């Protein structure tokens, strides 16, 4: 069965604003509170780079290094995203 994702206002990344979101990108995993979204970038505050995940069922990352400033991620580098931890 074929299932399509509809382009619905207020869904996708926009619906996750204010939540802690994890982004799996081309080279790294980033996590943080999503505070902004536009056509080319997403903006995270309280951001970290995840170097070791550990078990995805654990409450915390094995090794996540906090970043000193807000983080912009180019949407073209995002492979997948979700509210995970």
N, C-alpha and C. Protein backbone atom coordinates (compact mmCIF):
# COMPACT_ATOMS: atom_id res chain seq x y z
N UNK A 1 0.84 -1.17 0.00
CA UNK A 1 0.00 0.00 0.00
C UNK A 1 0.89 1.24 0.00
N UNK A 2 0.59 2.18 -0.85
CA UNK A 2 1.34 3.42 -0.97
C UNK A 2 0.74 4.46 -0.05
N UNK A 3 1.60 5.09 0.74
CA UNK A 3 1.15 6.13 1.65
C UNK A 3 1.93 7.40 1.38
N UNK A 4 1.25 8.50 1.20
CA UNK A 4 1.89 9.78 0.91
C UNK A 4 1.86 10.68 2.13
N UNK A 5 2.89 11.50 2.27
CA UNK A 5 2.91 12.50 3.32
C UNK A 5 2.33 13.78 2.74
N UNK A 6 1.27 14.26 3.34
CA UNK A 6 0.63 15.48 2.86
C UNK A 6 1.36 16.71 3.38
N UNK A 7 1.40 17.74 2.57
CA UNK A 7 1.96 19.02 2.98
C UNK A 7 0.84 19.79 3.68
N UNK A 8 0.80 19.68 5.00
CA UNK A 8 -0.26 20.28 5.79
C UNK A 8 0.34 21.37 6.67
N UNK A 9 -0.29 22.54 6.67
CA UNK A 9 0.15 23.66 7.50
C UNK A 9 0.24 23.24 8.96
N UNK A 10 1.38 23.57 9.60
CA UNK A 10 1.53 23.28 11.02
C UNK A 10 2.00 21.87 11.33
N UNK A 11 2.41 21.11 10.33
CA UNK A 11 2.92 19.76 10.55
C UNK A 11 4.42 19.73 10.26
N UNK A 12 5.02 18.59 10.43
CA UNK A 12 6.45 18.45 10.17
C UNK A 12 7.26 19.21 11.21
N UNK A 13 8.35 19.81 10.79
CA UNK A 13 9.24 20.52 11.71
C UNK A 13 8.53 21.63 12.48
N UNK A 14 7.66 22.35 11.82
CA UNK A 14 6.96 23.45 12.47
C UNK A 14 6.17 22.97 13.69
N UNK A 15 5.60 21.79 13.61
CA UNK A 15 4.81 21.28 14.72
C UNK A 15 5.67 20.89 15.92
N UNK A 16 6.99 20.79 15.72
CA UNK A 16 7.89 20.39 16.81
C UNK A 16 8.57 21.57 17.49
N UNK A 17 8.27 22.79 17.08
CA UNK A 17 8.88 23.96 17.72
C UNK A 17 8.55 23.96 19.21
N UNK A 18 9.60 24.19 20.01
CA UNK A 18 9.47 24.20 21.46
C UNK A 18 9.83 22.88 22.11
N UNK A 19 10.01 21.84 21.30
CA UNK A 19 10.36 20.52 21.83
C UNK A 19 11.84 20.22 21.58
N UNK A 20 12.38 19.28 22.37
CA UNK A 20 13.75 18.82 22.15
C UNK A 20 13.71 17.82 20.99
N UNK A 21 14.42 18.14 19.92
CA UNK A 21 14.39 17.35 18.70
C UNK A 21 15.81 16.86 18.39
N UNK A 22 15.91 15.64 17.90
CA UNK A 22 17.19 15.06 17.49
C UNK A 22 17.22 14.98 15.97
N UNK A 23 18.33 15.46 15.40
CA UNK A 23 18.52 15.48 13.95
C UNK A 23 19.67 14.56 13.57
N UNK A 24 19.39 13.59 12.73
CA UNK A 24 20.42 12.74 12.18
C UNK A 24 20.81 13.36 10.85
N UNK A 25 22.03 13.86 10.76
CA UNK A 25 22.49 14.57 9.57
C UNK A 25 23.57 13.76 8.87
N UNK A 26 24.11 14.32 7.80
CA UNK A 26 25.08 13.59 6.98
C UNK A 26 26.26 13.07 7.78
N UNK A 27 26.80 13.86 8.70
CA UNK A 27 27.99 13.46 9.43
C UNK A 27 27.80 13.32 10.94
N UNK A 28 26.85 14.02 11.51
CA UNK A 28 26.71 14.05 12.96
C UNK A 28 25.25 13.92 13.37
N UNK A 29 25.07 13.70 14.66
CA UNK A 29 23.75 13.73 15.28
C UNK A 29 23.72 14.98 16.17
N UNK A 30 22.69 15.79 16.01
CA UNK A 30 22.53 17.00 16.82
C UNK A 30 21.22 16.90 17.58
N UNK A 31 21.18 17.48 18.76
CA UNK A 31 19.96 17.51 19.54
C UNK A 31 19.85 18.86 20.23
N UNK A 32 18.64 19.32 20.45
CA UNK A 32 18.43 20.59 21.13
C UNK A 32 16.97 21.00 21.02
N UNK A 33 16.65 22.10 21.68
CA UNK A 33 15.29 22.63 21.64
C UNK A 33 15.10 23.40 20.34
N UNK A 34 14.15 22.95 19.54
CA UNK A 34 13.87 23.58 18.25
C UNK A 34 13.14 24.90 18.47
N UNK A 35 13.77 26.00 18.04
CA UNK A 35 13.15 27.31 18.25
C UNK A 35 12.87 28.07 16.96
N UNK A 36 13.33 27.53 15.82
CA UNK A 36 13.08 28.21 14.56
C UNK A 36 13.20 27.28 13.36
N UNK A 37 12.39 27.56 12.35
CA UNK A 37 12.39 26.76 11.12
C UNK A 37 12.13 27.70 9.94
N UNK A 38 12.93 27.54 8.88
CA UNK A 38 12.58 28.20 7.61
C UNK A 38 12.96 27.26 6.47
N UNK A 39 12.91 27.74 5.26
CA UNK A 39 13.16 26.88 4.09
C UNK A 39 14.55 26.25 4.10
N UNK A 40 15.55 26.96 4.61
CA UNK A 40 16.92 26.48 4.49
C UNK A 40 17.58 26.07 5.80
N UNK A 41 17.03 26.47 6.94
CA UNK A 41 17.69 26.20 8.21
C UNK A 41 16.70 25.87 9.31
N UNK A 42 17.21 25.15 10.33
CA UNK A 42 16.50 25.02 11.60
C UNK A 42 17.42 25.60 12.66
N UNK A 43 16.84 26.11 13.74
CA UNK A 43 17.60 26.74 14.81
C UNK A 43 17.33 26.02 16.12
N UNK A 44 18.43 25.59 16.77
CA UNK A 44 18.33 24.91 18.06
C UNK A 44 18.99 25.74 19.15
N UNK A 45 18.39 25.73 20.32
CA UNK A 45 19.01 26.30 21.50
C UNK A 45 19.29 25.14 22.46
N UNK A 46 20.16 25.34 23.43
CA UNK A 46 20.54 24.26 24.35
C UNK A 46 20.95 23.04 23.54
N UNK A 47 21.79 23.28 22.53
CA UNK A 47 22.15 22.26 21.54
C UNK A 47 23.36 21.44 21.96
N UNK A 48 23.46 20.24 21.39
CA UNK A 48 24.60 19.36 21.64
C UNK A 48 24.87 18.52 20.40
N UNK A 49 26.13 18.10 20.27
CA UNK A 49 26.52 17.11 19.28
C UNK A 49 26.59 15.78 20.00
N UNK A 50 25.96 14.76 19.45
CA UNK A 50 25.96 13.43 20.06
C UNK A 50 27.05 12.61 19.41
N UNK A 51 28.08 12.25 20.20
CA UNK A 51 29.18 11.44 19.69
C UNK A 51 28.95 9.95 19.90
N UNK A 52 28.28 9.60 21.00
CA UNK A 52 27.92 8.20 21.26
C UNK A 52 26.48 8.18 21.75
N UNK A 53 25.65 7.40 21.10
CA UNK A 53 24.24 7.37 21.47
C UNK A 53 23.95 6.49 22.68
N UNK A 54 24.66 5.36 22.81
CA UNK A 54 24.24 4.36 23.78
C UNK A 54 22.94 3.76 23.29
N UNK A 55 22.20 3.14 24.17
CA UNK A 55 20.91 2.55 23.80
C UNK A 55 19.88 3.65 23.57
N UNK A 56 19.11 3.54 22.51
CA UNK A 56 18.09 4.55 22.24
C UNK A 56 16.97 4.53 23.26
N UNK A 57 16.87 3.46 24.03
CA UNK A 57 15.84 3.39 25.07
C UNK A 57 16.29 4.03 26.38
N UNK A 58 17.59 4.37 26.50
CA UNK A 58 18.09 5.05 27.70
C UNK A 58 17.61 6.50 27.73
N UNK A 59 17.51 7.05 28.91
CA UNK A 59 17.02 8.42 29.08
C UNK A 59 18.02 9.46 28.59
N UNK A 60 19.32 9.15 28.65
CA UNK A 60 20.36 10.11 28.27
C UNK A 60 21.28 9.52 27.21
N UNK A 61 21.97 10.40 26.52
CA UNK A 61 22.96 9.98 25.54
C UNK A 61 24.21 9.49 26.26
N UNK A 62 24.92 8.57 25.65
CA UNK A 62 26.19 8.09 26.21
C UNK A 62 27.21 9.23 26.25
N UNK A 63 27.33 9.99 25.14
CA UNK A 63 28.26 11.12 25.08
C UNK A 63 27.67 12.20 24.18
N UNK A 64 27.12 13.23 24.80
CA UNK A 64 26.60 14.39 24.06
C UNK A 64 27.32 15.62 24.60
N UNK A 65 27.99 16.33 23.71
CA UNK A 65 28.76 17.51 24.10
C UNK A 65 27.96 18.77 23.83
N UNK A 66 27.65 19.51 24.90
CA UNK A 66 26.89 20.75 24.78
C UNK A 66 27.65 21.80 23.99
N UNK A 67 26.93 22.60 23.26
CA UNK A 67 27.52 23.69 22.48
C UNK A 67 27.28 25.02 23.18
N UNK A 68 28.21 25.96 23.06
CA UNK A 68 28.10 27.22 23.82
C UNK A 68 27.07 28.21 23.28
N UNK A 69 26.62 28.01 22.04
CA UNK A 69 25.70 28.96 21.41
C UNK A 69 24.58 28.21 20.69
N UNK A 70 23.64 28.98 20.17
CA UNK A 70 22.59 28.38 19.35
C UNK A 70 23.21 27.72 18.13
N UNK A 71 22.52 26.73 17.59
CA UNK A 71 23.03 25.97 16.46
C UNK A 71 22.06 26.06 15.30
N UNK A 72 22.58 26.42 14.14
CA UNK A 72 21.81 26.40 12.89
C UNK A 72 22.19 25.14 12.12
N UNK A 73 21.20 24.42 11.63
CA UNK A 73 21.43 23.24 10.81
C UNK A 73 20.78 23.48 9.45
N UNK A 74 21.54 23.26 8.39
CA UNK A 74 20.99 23.38 7.04
C UNK A 74 20.02 22.23 6.80
N UNK A 75 18.83 22.53 6.34
CA UNK A 75 17.84 21.47 6.10
C UNK A 75 18.32 20.48 5.04
N UNK A 76 19.19 20.92 4.14
CA UNK A 76 19.70 20.02 3.09
C UNK A 76 20.58 18.91 3.66
N UNK A 77 21.08 19.06 4.89
CA UNK A 77 21.94 18.03 5.48
C UNK A 77 21.16 17.07 6.39
N UNK A 78 19.89 17.36 6.65
CA UNK A 78 19.10 16.52 7.56
C UNK A 78 18.63 15.26 6.84
N UNK A 79 18.95 14.11 7.42
CA UNK A 79 18.47 12.84 6.89
C UNK A 79 17.15 12.44 7.53
N UNK A 80 17.06 12.63 8.86
CA UNK A 80 15.82 12.31 9.59
C UNK A 80 15.82 13.09 10.89
N UNK A 81 14.65 13.23 11.48
CA UNK A 81 14.54 13.93 12.76
C UNK A 81 13.37 13.37 13.54
N UNK A 82 13.44 13.54 14.87
CA UNK A 82 12.37 13.04 15.74
C UNK A 82 12.55 13.58 17.15
N UNK A 83 11.46 13.53 17.91
CA UNK A 83 11.54 13.77 19.35
C UNK A 83 11.94 12.42 19.93
N UNK A 84 13.15 12.36 20.51
CA UNK A 84 13.69 11.07 20.91
C UNK A 84 13.95 10.98 22.41
N UNK A 85 14.67 11.94 22.97
CA UNK A 85 15.03 11.90 24.38
C UNK A 85 14.76 13.23 25.03
